[in-house]
Amino acid sequence: MKLIYNVSDKPKFREIIIFAFQQLLAIMAATIAVPAIINNYVSSETVLGAGQMTASAALFGAGIGTIVYQLFTRFRSPVFLGSSFAFLSSMSVAFAGAASMSLGFLGLIIGAAFAALVYVVIAILVKFAGVKWISKLMPAVVIGPIVAIIGLSLAGNAVGDMMKGDFLGADGNPTASPLIALVCALVTLFTVILCSTYGKKQIRLIPFIIGIIAGYIVALGFTLIGRATGNAALRIIDFAPIKALVKGGVSVETFISLPQFSFLKAIDGFKDLNPAYIGTIAVAYIPVAFVVFAEHIADHKNLSSIIEKDLLTDPGLSRTLLGDGVGSFAGALFGGCPNTTYGESIGCVAITRNASVVSVTGAAILALLVAFISPFVAFLDSIPACVMGGVCMTLYGFIAVSGLKMLQPVDLNENRNLFVASVILIAGVGGLALDFALEGGQTIKITSVACALILGIITNLMLSKKKKTEGEEDEPQQVIK
């Protein structure tokens, strides 16, 4: 795939602003969803006592994390860091534990520190041992299906969002007809596809912006008709985030407001800090960090295949790990959410063929700025789920297809490769996952992606050993570059 803008290319300033906005839209839905989910995880008493996580703080944290990552990778890896879904269960442990000890956001920051420590330790190991062991442990026959599973595991989220609006009825459920929501999603989806395929250079570079605008306009039309006729089935958009800006009158905060940064909310928790609680958080975060490490490898190999440059050697896996780990901790300091490299960002690079790291860094800076602009955050929050679902269908689909493309150099006529790929795909698509109960009723979940990866690695190593015991040379595995 020929890139329109390569990693080191610098588009014009006007273009950078537009490309940065598109990257922000691509990662926005998932980034602000994490704090919303955590707020719902805990009881209303806990939320009110510890303080709510906010979308603006999460956006700011994602921006900070991405800039830290770019600094560590010397601006050579065009990927955005956003709130990690993998740590949802871990974050709920930290926040729920805070309910009785009033630690609040301090627990989230401590947990992010443990996760970052895992990345730092692995980065040091990679620095001295190199990356060959990574390629042997996770060759293309393992990484390809795993990347595909990452995309496929998100398919349900995209399809589910395509069938629902945001306006809620008295029962707390969306009122919009699934068919009407699907129309808005399909308008968004087809606009993105047509712009990416037939659009001229500038149009091809911003298909998500055009698609979201088209979908939003259609959703707005249905919503206005629904309000005028009293037909709740047509009401797609929930204007509550926008109405909240002027609730109680217009003030400075209607236009500019300070996000509720985690480190400011965490100060009060130090007085109740104790070793038992720290141990509980460590058990909740550290195992998940190893899972996210595997996804880090998969994401960077996927991105490497898109930009045709091996990121594990330049800027190097040790640098990407340090950038991801320290950037994740920096993001949690401000937004409470550990960050991770985003498949949505990688999908955006693949579809638009714009790998300029300047655009990604611009998106990070834009995330920092818009976190303070109340109307902009409210507008982003008002984009309905069906519209974002239409966008995500393309993003997640490209992730899945990128993984399958990694299998092209792999000989699937060999039983060894066939079994490895089969185990990973079936375990991942089938949703094989494990839950481990912790003291206090909390659980640690090993996701289907992690389980599929573990099974794939074990199967690959087992069959490699068998070949050697039979006196055959171990076949060289294709490494994606």
Protein backbone atom coordinates (compact mmCIF):
# COMPACT_ATOMS: atom_id res chain seq x y z
CA MET A 1 0.00 0.00 0.00
CA LYS A 2 1.54 3.28 -1.11
CA LEU A 3 1.37 5.98 1.55
CA ILE A 4 0.29 9.51 0.65
CA TYR A 5 2.27 10.89 3.60
CA ASN A 6 5.12 8.87 5.08
CA VAL A 7 6.17 8.88 8.74
CA SER A 8 8.64 11.75 8.44
CA ASP A 9 6.57 13.84 6.00
CA LYS A 10 5.24 17.20 7.16
CA PRO A 11 1.92 18.27 5.59
CA LYS A 12 1.00 21.93 5.39
CA PHE A 13 -0.14 23.52 8.65
CA ARG A 14 -3.77 23.77 7.51
CA GLU A 15 -3.74 20.08 6.57
CA ILE A 16 -2.16 19.10 9.89
CA ILE A 17 -5.08 20.67 11.78
CA ILE A 18 -7.60 18.74 9.67
CA PHE A 19 -5.69 15.45 9.90
CA ALA A 20 -5.24 15.89 13.65
CA PHE A 21 -8.96 16.47 14.08
CA GLN A 22 -9.67 13.27 12.15
CA GLN A 23 -7.31 11.24 14.34
CA LEU A 24 -9.02 12.72 17.38
CA LEU A 25 -12.44 11.69 16.07
CA ALA A 26 -11.14 8.18 15.37
CA ILE A 27 -9.96 7.61 18.96
CA MET A 28 -12.45 9.84 20.74
CA ALA A 29 -15.36 7.42 21.25
CA ALA A 30 -13.28 4.71 22.89
CA THR A 31 -11.17 7.14 24.92
CA ILE A 32 -14.11 8.83 26.63
CA ALA A 33 -16.04 5.56 26.97
CA VAL A 34 -13.61 4.15 29.56
CA PRO A 35 -14.28 6.75 32.29
CA ALA A 36 -18.03 6.47 31.62
CA ILE A 37 -17.87 2.69 32.09
CA ILE A 38 -15.87 2.99 35.32
CA ASN A 39 -18.33 5.53 36.70
CA ASN A 40 -21.09 2.99 36.04
CA TYR A 41 -19.10 0.13 37.57
CA VAL A 42 -19.06 1.64 41.03
CA SER A 43 -22.04 2.61 43.13
CA SER A 44 -23.41 6.14 43.11
CA GLU A 45 -22.15 6.58 46.67
CA THR A 46 -18.61 5.70 45.62
CA VAL A 47 -18.73 8.01 42.61
CA LEU A 48 -19.99 10.92 44.65
CA GLY A 49 -17.48 10.29 47.41
CA ALA A 50 -14.41 9.67 45.28
CA GLY A 51 -15.28 11.99 42.42
CA GLN A 52 -16.32 11.11 38.89
CA MET A 53 -13.89 10.42 36.09
CA THR A 54 -14.52 12.85 33.24
CA ALA A 55 -14.26 12.69 29.46
CA SER A 56 -12.25 15.92 29.31
CA ALA A 57 -9.64 14.60 31.75
CA ALA A 58 -9.41 11.33 29.79
CA LEU A 59 -8.83 13.27 26.56
CA PHE A 60 -6.13 15.36 28.24
CA GLY A 61 -4.50 12.20 29.62
CA ALA A 62 -4.55 10.59 26.18
CA GLY A 63 -2.90 13.67 24.70
CA ILE A 64 -0.18 13.72 27.36
CA GLY A 65 0.41 9.99 27.01
CA THR A 66 0.76 10.24 23.23
CA ILE A 67 3.27 13.09 23.46
CA VAL A 68 5.34 11.13 26.00
CA TYR A 69 5.24 8.12 23.67
CA GLN A 70 6.37 10.23 20.72
CA LEU A 71 9.25 11.67 22.73
CA PHE A 72 10.49 8.19 23.70
CA THR A 73 10.15 6.90 20.14
CA ARG A 74 11.81 10.01 18.67
CA PHE A 75 8.67 10.79 16.65
CA ARG A 76 9.13 7.70 14.45
CA SER A 77 5.97 5.74 15.28
CA PRO A 78 2.64 7.22 14.06
CA VAL A 79 0.22 5.89 16.65
CA PHE A 80 -2.04 7.53 19.23
CA LEU A 81 -2.36 6.36 22.84
CA GLY A 82 -5.85 6.30 24.36
CA SER A 83 -7.67 4.91 27.39
CA SER A 84 -7.17 1.15 27.67
CA PHE A 85 -10.19 -1.16 27.90
CA ALA A 86 -7.94 -4.01 29.08
CA PHE A 87 -7.62 -2.38 32.52
CA LEU A 88 -11.37 -1.91 33.12
CA SER A 89 -11.59 -4.71 35.69
CA SER A 90 -8.36 -3.56 37.34
CA MET A 91 -9.61 0.01 37.55
CA SER A 92 -12.88 -1.14 39.10
CA VAL A 93 -10.87 -2.99 41.77
CA ALA A 94 -8.93 0.19 42.54
CA PHE A 95 -12.02 2.39 42.57
CA ALA A 96 -14.25 -0.02 44.50
CA GLY A 97 -11.50 -0.55 47.05
CA ALA A 98 -11.39 3.19 47.43
CA ALA A 99 -15.00 3.23 48.58
CA SER A 100 -14.18 2.04 52.09
CA MET A 101 -10.76 3.70 52.36
CA SER A 102 -11.43 7.01 50.59
CA LEU A 103 -8.39 6.60 48.32
CA GLY A 104 -10.29 7.44 45.16
CA PHE A 105 -8.06 8.37 42.25
CA LEU A 106 -4.91 7.53 44.20
CA GLY A 107 -5.73 3.86 43.66
CA LEU A 108 -5.97 4.39 39.91
CA ILE A 109 -2.63 6.18 39.80
CA ILE A 110 -0.89 3.49 41.88
CA GLY A 111 -2.29 0.82 39.57
CA ALA A 112 -1.03 2.66 36.49
CA ALA A 113 2.40 2.87 38.13
CA PHE A 114 2.49 -0.92 38.54
CA ALA A 115 1.50 -1.41 34.88
CA ALA A 116 4.19 1.05 33.77
CA LEU A 117 6.76 -0.79 35.89
CA VAL A 118 6.05 -4.01 33.97
CA TYR A 119 6.70 -2.20 30.69
CA VAL A 120 9.93 -0.68 32.01
CA VAL A 121 11.24 -4.07 33.18
CA ILE A 122 10.43 -5.71 29.83
CA ALA A 123 12.00 -2.76 27.98
CA ILE A 124 15.23 -3.23 29.94
CA LEU A 125 15.18 -6.95 29.13
CA VAL A 126 14.65 -6.20 25.43
CA LYS A 127 17.46 -3.63 25.49
CA PHE A 128 19.97 -6.27 26.60
CA ALA A 129 18.50 -9.41 24.97
CA GLY A 130 17.34 -7.88 21.67
CA VAL A 131 14.10 -8.66 19.83
CA LYS A 132 14.93 -12.00 18.19
CA TRP A 133 13.29 -13.90 21.04
CA ILE A 134 10.11 -11.90 20.40
CA SER A 135 10.09 -12.93 16.76
CA LYS A 136 10.66 -16.55 17.73
CA LEU A 137 8.00 -16.49 20.43
CA MET A 138 5.48 -14.60 18.31
CA PRO A 139 6.20 -15.14 14.59
CA ALA A 140 3.84 -14.09 11.81
CA VAL A 141 1.74 -17.24 12.19
CA VAL A 142 0.97 -16.14 15.77
CA ILE A 143 0.85 -12.36 15.41
CA GLY A 144 -1.24 -12.35 12.21
CA PRO A 145 -4.26 -14.19 13.69
CA ILE A 146 -3.93 -12.22 16.94
CA VAL A 147 -4.13 -8.90 15.09
CA ALA A 148 -7.16 -10.28 13.23
CA ILE A 149 -8.75 -11.30 16.54
CA ILE A 150 -8.20 -7.82 18.00
CA GLY A 151 -10.30 -6.43 15.15
CA LEU A 152 -12.87 -9.22 15.22
CA SER A 153 -13.27 -9.03 19.00
CA LEU A 154 -14.43 -5.43 18.59
CA ALA A 155 -16.90 -6.28 15.82
CA GLY A 156 -19.76 -6.78 18.27
CA ASN A 157 -19.21 -3.31 19.72
CA ALA A 158 -19.33 -1.69 16.27
CA VAL A 159 -22.44 -3.58 15.14
CA GLY A 160 -24.19 -2.98 18.47
CA ASP A 161 -23.52 0.75 18.28
CA MET A 162 -24.81 0.89 14.70
CA MET A 163 -28.24 -0.21 15.91
CA LYS A 164 -28.82 2.35 18.66
CA GLY A 165 -29.20 6.07 19.27
CA ASP A 166 -28.22 8.08 22.33
CA PHE A 167 -31.53 9.66 23.37
CA LEU A 168 -32.88 7.83 26.43
CA GLY A 169 -36.48 7.34 27.44
CA ALA A 170 -37.98 7.31 30.93
CA ASP A 171 -36.83 3.69 31.38
CA GLY A 172 -33.21 4.65 30.69
CA ASN A 173 -33.08 2.83 27.35
CA PRO A 174 -32.54 4.36 23.89
CA THR A 175 -35.84 5.25 22.23
CA ALA A 176 -34.63 5.29 18.64
CA SER A 177 -35.75 2.59 16.25
CA PRO A 178 -32.82 0.25 15.46
CA LEU A 179 -33.69 0.63 11.77
CA ILE A 180 -33.44 4.44 11.92
CA ALA A 181 -30.14 4.19 13.81
CA LEU A 182 -28.87 1.73 11.19
CA VAL A 183 -29.72 4.20 8.41
CA CYS A 184 -27.52 6.84 10.09
CA ALA A 185 -24.74 4.29 10.57
CA LEU A 186 -24.87 3.16 6.94
CA VAL A 187 -24.79 6.75 5.68
CA THR A 188 -21.63 7.24 7.74
CA LEU A 189 -20.12 3.92 6.63
CA PHE A 190 -20.80 4.37 2.91
CA THR A 191 -19.57 7.98 2.97
CA VAL A 192 -16.27 6.85 4.51
CA ILE A 193 -15.94 4.03 1.95
CA LEU A 194 -16.71 6.23 -1.06
CA CYS A 195 -14.43 9.05 0.08
CA SER A 196 -11.57 6.62 0.77
CA THR A 197 -11.97 4.82 -2.55
CA TYR A 198 -12.98 7.47 -5.08
CA GLY A 199 -12.11 10.75 -3.41
CA LYS A 200 -9.27 12.92 -4.65
CA LYS A 201 -6.15 13.33 -2.53
CA GLN A 202 -7.54 15.72 0.10
CA ILE A 203 -10.91 13.95 0.33
CA ARG A 204 -9.19 10.58 0.64
CA LEU A 205 -7.19 11.87 3.57
CA ILE A 206 -10.23 12.92 5.66
CA PRO A 207 -12.93 10.30 5.05
CA PHE A 208 -13.84 10.00 8.75
CA ILE A 209 -14.52 13.69 9.17
CA ILE A 210 -16.78 13.71 6.10
CA GLY A 211 -18.45 10.47 7.13
CA ILE A 212 -19.18 11.63 10.67
CA ILE A 213 -20.54 14.96 9.42
CA ALA A 214 -22.81 13.16 6.94
CA GLY A 215 -24.05 10.72 9.56
CA TYR A 216 -24.55 13.47 12.14
CA ILE A 217 -26.60 15.57 9.69
CA VAL A 218 -28.90 12.62 8.92
CA ALA A 219 -29.22 11.81 12.64
CA LEU A 220 -29.96 15.48 13.37
CA GLY A 221 -32.69 15.50 10.73
CA PHE A 222 -34.37 12.42 12.20
CA THR A 223 -34.06 13.85 15.72
CA LEU A 224 -35.62 17.19 14.83
CA ILE A 225 -38.51 15.48 13.04
CA GLY A 226 -38.95 13.20 16.04
CA ARG A 227 -39.11 16.15 18.43
CA ALA A 228 -41.54 18.06 16.22
CA THR A 229 -43.89 15.09 15.80
CA GLY A 230 -43.47 13.58 19.25
CA ASN A 231 -42.13 10.36 17.71
CA ALA A 232 -39.45 9.08 20.09
CA ALA A 233 -38.42 6.35 17.64
CA LEU A 234 -36.83 9.02 15.43
CA ARG A 235 -34.83 10.70 18.20
CA ILE A 236 -31.23 9.67 17.70
CA ILE A 237 -29.15 12.47 19.23
CA ASP A 238 -29.17 13.26 22.92
CA PHE A 239 -28.54 16.99 23.38
CA ALA A 240 -28.05 16.63 27.16
CA PRO A 241 -24.26 17.30 27.03
CA ILE A 242 -24.92 20.54 25.13
CA LYS A 243 -27.84 21.58 27.35
CA ALA A 244 -25.68 21.04 30.43
CA LEU A 245 -23.44 23.89 29.31
CA VAL A 246 -26.14 26.49 29.90
CA LYS A 247 -27.93 24.80 32.77
CA GLY A 248 -28.10 27.35 35.56
CA GLY A 249 -27.11 30.21 33.26
CA VAL A 250 -24.20 31.18 31.07
CA SER A 251 -20.82 31.56 32.77
CA VAL A 252 -17.12 31.24 32.01
CA GLU A 253 -17.39 27.46 32.50
CA THR A 254 -19.91 27.37 29.65
CA PHE A 255 -16.98 28.00 27.31
CA ILE A 256 -13.82 27.04 29.21
CA SER A 257 -13.46 24.68 32.17
CA LEU A 258 -10.61 22.91 33.96
CA PRO A 259 -10.75 19.12 33.66
CA GLN A 260 -10.88 17.17 36.93
CA PHE A 261 -7.31 15.90 36.87
CA SER A 262 -6.66 12.66 38.75
CA PHE A 263 -3.56 13.79 40.61
CA LEU A 264 -5.49 16.68 42.17
CA LYS A 265 -8.27 14.36 43.33
CA ALA A 266 -5.76 11.75 44.57
CA ILE A 267 -4.08 13.92 47.21
CA ASP A 268 -6.75 13.25 49.84
CA GLY A 269 -6.19 9.50 49.61
CA PHE A 270 -2.65 9.45 51.02
CA LYS A 271 -3.84 9.60 54.62
CA ASP A 272 -5.57 6.20 54.26
CA LEU A 273 -2.90 4.44 52.18
CA ASN A 274 -1.89 1.01 53.49
CA PRO A 275 0.21 -1.96 52.28
CA ALA A 276 -2.79 -4.32 51.95
CA TYR A 277 -4.52 -2.01 49.52
CA ILE A 278 -1.32 -1.54 47.51
CA GLY A 279 -0.96 -5.33 47.28
CA THR A 280 -4.53 -5.71 46.06
CA ILE A 281 -3.97 -3.15 43.31
CA ALA A 282 -0.67 -4.79 42.29
CA VAL A 283 -2.41 -8.16 41.84
CA ALA A 284 -5.15 -6.46 39.81
CA TYR A 285 -2.87 -4.52 37.44
CA ILE A 286 0.36 -6.47 36.90
CA PRO A 287 -1.09 -9.57 35.15
CA VAL A 288 -3.13 -7.37 32.82
CA ALA A 289 0.01 -5.37 31.95
CA PHE A 290 1.56 -8.54 30.50
CA VAL A 291 -1.55 -9.05 28.38
CA VAL A 292 -1.38 -5.48 27.09
CA PHE A 293 2.32 -6.02 26.34
CA ALA A 294 1.33 -8.75 23.88
CA GLU A 295 -1.18 -6.39 22.27
CA HIS A 296 1.60 -3.78 22.11
CA ILE A 297 3.67 -6.20 20.03
CA ALA A 298 0.72 -7.02 17.78
CA ASP A 299 -0.16 -3.35 17.24
CA HIS A 300 3.39 -2.39 16.33
CA LYS A 301 3.87 -5.33 13.97
CA ASN A 302 0.57 -4.42 12.35
CA LEU A 303 1.61 -0.79 11.98
CA SER A 304 5.01 -1.93 10.69
CA SER A 305 3.34 -3.85 7.88
CA ILE A 306 1.27 -0.77 6.96
CA ILE A 307 4.14 1.73 6.85
CA GLU A 308 6.62 -0.90 5.55
CA LYS A 309 9.12 -0.17 8.30
CA ASP A 310 10.02 -2.43 11.23
CA LEU A 311 9.20 -0.43 14.35
CA LEU A 312 10.66 -3.17 16.58
CA THR A 313 14.12 -2.20 15.31
CA ASP A 314 13.58 1.48 14.48
CA PRO A 315 12.92 3.21 16.87
CA GLY A 316 13.19 -0.16 18.66
CA LEU A 317 10.93 -2.21 20.90
CA SER A 318 12.62 -0.97 24.06
CA ARG A 319 11.74 2.62 23.13
CA THR A 320 8.14 1.83 22.15
CA LEU A 321 7.66 -0.08 25.41
CA LEU A 322 9.10 2.75 27.49
CA GLY A 323 6.99 5.27 25.60
CA ASP A 324 3.85 3.17 26.06
CA GLY A 325 4.52 2.43 29.75
CA VAL A 326 5.57 5.91 30.85
CA GLY A 327 2.95 7.50 28.58
CA SER A 328 0.31 5.27 30.14
CA PHE A 329 1.29 6.38 33.64
CA ALA A 330 1.37 10.03 32.58
CA GLY A 331 -2.10 9.65 31.11
CA ALA A 332 -3.41 8.11 34.34
CA LEU A 333 -1.95 10.98 36.38
CA PHE A 334 -4.28 13.34 34.55
CA GLY A 335 -7.20 11.20 33.39
CA GLY A 336 -7.13 8.17 35.69
CA CYS A 337 -7.02 5.73 32.74
CA PRO A 338 -3.88 3.81 31.74
CA ASN A 339 -3.26 4.35 28.03
CA THR A 340 -2.40 1.94 25.27
CA THR A 341 -1.66 2.09 21.55
CA TYR A 342 -4.97 2.37 19.73
CA GLY A 343 -6.08 0.09 16.93
CA GLU A 344 -8.44 2.87 15.83
CA SER A 345 -5.43 5.09 15.23
CA ILE A 346 -3.65 2.36 13.27
CA GLY A 347 -6.79 1.75 11.24
CA CYS A 348 -6.98 5.47 10.49
CA VAL A 349 -3.42 5.37 9.15
CA ALA A 350 -4.22 2.34 7.00
CA ILE A 351 -7.42 3.75 5.50
CA THR A 352 -6.24 7.32 4.89
CA ARG A 353 -2.68 6.28 3.95
CA ASN A 354 -1.43 9.16 6.06
CA ALA A 355 1.36 7.94 8.35
CA SER A 356 2.74 11.39 9.15
CA VAL A 357 3.77 11.40 12.80
CA VAL A 358 3.21 15.17 12.75
CA SER A 359 -0.52 14.52 12.26
CA VAL A 360 -0.62 12.14 15.25
CA THR A 361 1.32 14.56 17.44
CA GLY A 362 -1.03 17.32 16.28
CA ALA A 363 -3.97 15.17 17.40
CA ALA A 364 -2.35 14.82 20.84
CA ILE A 365 -1.93 18.59 21.13
CA LEU A 366 -5.50 19.09 19.94
CA ALA A 367 -6.71 16.65 22.63
CA LEU A 368 -4.93 18.77 25.26
CA LEU A 369 -6.57 21.95 24.01
CA VAL A 370 -10.12 20.70 23.50
CA ALA A 371 -10.14 19.21 27.01
CA PHE A 372 -10.52 22.80 28.25
CA ILE A 373 -13.14 23.86 25.68
CA SER A 374 -16.52 22.90 27.10
CA PRO A 375 -18.64 23.30 23.91
CA PHE A 376 -16.26 21.14 21.88
CA VAL A 377 -16.22 18.34 24.45
CA ALA A 378 -20.01 18.55 24.63
CA PHE A 379 -20.30 18.32 20.84
CA LEU A 380 -18.02 15.29 20.70
CA ASP A 381 -20.08 13.70 23.45
CA SER A 382 -23.26 14.34 21.44
CA ILE A 383 -22.13 12.35 18.38
CA PRO A 384 -24.52 9.38 18.52
CA ALA A 385 -23.39 5.80 18.93
CA CYS A 386 -24.79 4.75 15.53
CA VAL A 387 -22.62 7.30 13.72
CA MET A 388 -19.47 6.21 15.54
CA GLY A 389 -20.47 2.59 14.94
CA GLY A 390 -20.43 3.22 11.19
CA VAL A 391 -16.90 4.62 11.48
CA CYS A 392 -15.73 1.81 13.75
CA MET A 393 -16.93 -0.87 11.33
CA THR A 394 -14.26 0.30 8.89
CA LEU A 395 -11.58 0.81 11.56
CA TYR A 396 -12.03 -2.58 13.21
CA GLY A 397 -12.42 -4.26 9.83
CA PHE A 398 -9.09 -2.89 8.65
CA ILE A 399 -7.42 -4.18 11.82
CA ALA A 400 -8.82 -7.67 11.18
CA VAL A 401 -7.83 -7.65 7.50
CA SER A 402 -4.33 -6.37 8.36
CA GLY A 403 -3.87 -9.42 10.56
CA LEU A 404 -4.97 -11.76 7.79
CA LYS A 405 -2.54 -10.03 5.38
CA MET A 406 0.28 -10.94 7.78
CA LEU A 407 -0.48 -14.60 7.06
CA GLN A 408 0.27 -14.21 3.33
CA PRO A 409 3.93 -15.32 3.60
CA VAL A 410 2.98 -18.21 5.93
CA ASP A 411 2.60 -21.67 4.37
CA LEU A 412 -0.80 -22.83 5.63
CA ASN A 413 -0.34 -26.18 3.88
CA GLU A 414 1.96 -27.06 6.78
CA ASN A 415 0.01 -28.64 9.64
CA ARG A 416 2.18 -26.80 12.14
CA ASN A 417 1.12 -23.38 10.86
CA LEU A 418 -2.44 -24.48 10.24
CA PHE A 419 -2.91 -25.67 13.82
CA VAL A 420 -1.37 -22.53 15.33
CA ALA A 421 -3.59 -20.20 13.29
CA SER A 422 -6.67 -22.37 13.87
CA VAL A 423 -6.26 -22.45 17.65
CA ILE A 424 -5.86 -18.68 17.82
CA LEU A 425 -8.80 -17.87 15.56
CA ILE A 426 -11.26 -20.27 17.20
CA ALA A 427 -10.25 -19.33 20.75
CA GLY A 428 -10.50 -15.63 19.92
CA VAL A 429 -13.72 -15.70 17.92
CA GLY A 430 -15.26 -18.18 20.36
CA GLY A 431 -14.60 -15.80 23.24
CA LEU A 432 -12.43 -18.03 25.41
CA ALA A 433 -11.72 -15.94 28.54
CA LEU A 434 -10.85 -16.63 32.17
CA ASP A 435 -11.95 -14.89 35.37
CA PHE A 436 -10.02 -15.11 38.64
CA ALA A 437 -11.75 -14.02 41.84
CA LEU A 438 -9.93 -11.73 44.27
CA GLU A 439 -10.58 -11.08 47.90
CA GLY A 440 -13.49 -8.67 48.27
CA GLY A 441 -15.50 -10.09 45.40
CA GLN A 442 -13.49 -8.45 42.62
CA THR A 443 -12.18 -10.36 39.60
CA ILE A 444 -9.26 -10.26 37.20
CA LYS A 445 -10.23 -11.17 33.65
CA ILE A 446 -7.87 -12.63 31.06
CA THR A 447 -9.49 -11.54 27.81
CA SER A 448 -10.18 -13.74 24.81
CA VAL A 449 -7.37 -12.02 22.91
CA ALA A 450 -4.90 -12.87 25.70
CA CYS A 451 -6.12 -16.47 25.97
CA ALA A 452 -5.88 -16.90 22.20
CA LEU A 453 -2.34 -15.50 22.23
CA ILE A 454 -1.23 -17.79 25.08
CA LEU A 455 -2.68 -20.86 23.35
CA GLY A 456 -1.09 -19.84 20.06
CA ILE A 457 2.34 -19.38 21.61
CA ILE A 458 2.14 -22.72 23.43
CA THR A 459 0.99 -24.53 20.28
CA ASN A 460 3.71 -22.94 18.17
CA LEU A 461 6.46 -23.76 20.70
CA MET A 462 5.17 -27.31 21.14
CA LEU A 463 5.21 -28.03 17.41
CA SER A 464 8.59 -26.33 16.97
CA LYS A 465 10.06 -28.60 19.64
CA LYS A 466 8.52 -31.64 17.97
CA LYS A 467 10.22 -30.80 14.68
CA LYS A 468 13.58 -30.50 16.41
CA THR A 469 13.20 -33.80 18.25
CA GLU A 470 12.53 -35.48 14.90
CA GLY A 471 15.89 -34.20 13.70
CA GLU A 472 14.47 -31.65 11.28
CA GLU A 473 15.63 -28.10 10.98
CA ASP A 474 13.19 -25.64 12.44
CA GLU A 475 11.64 -23.72 9.55
CA PRO A 476 12.49 -20.03 9.55
CA GLN A 477 9.43 -18.00 10.42
CA GLN A 478 8.52 -14.98 8.37
CA VAL A 479 8.97 -11.75 10.29
CA ILE A 480 6.81 -8.84 9.21
CA LYS A 481 8.86 -5.79 8.35
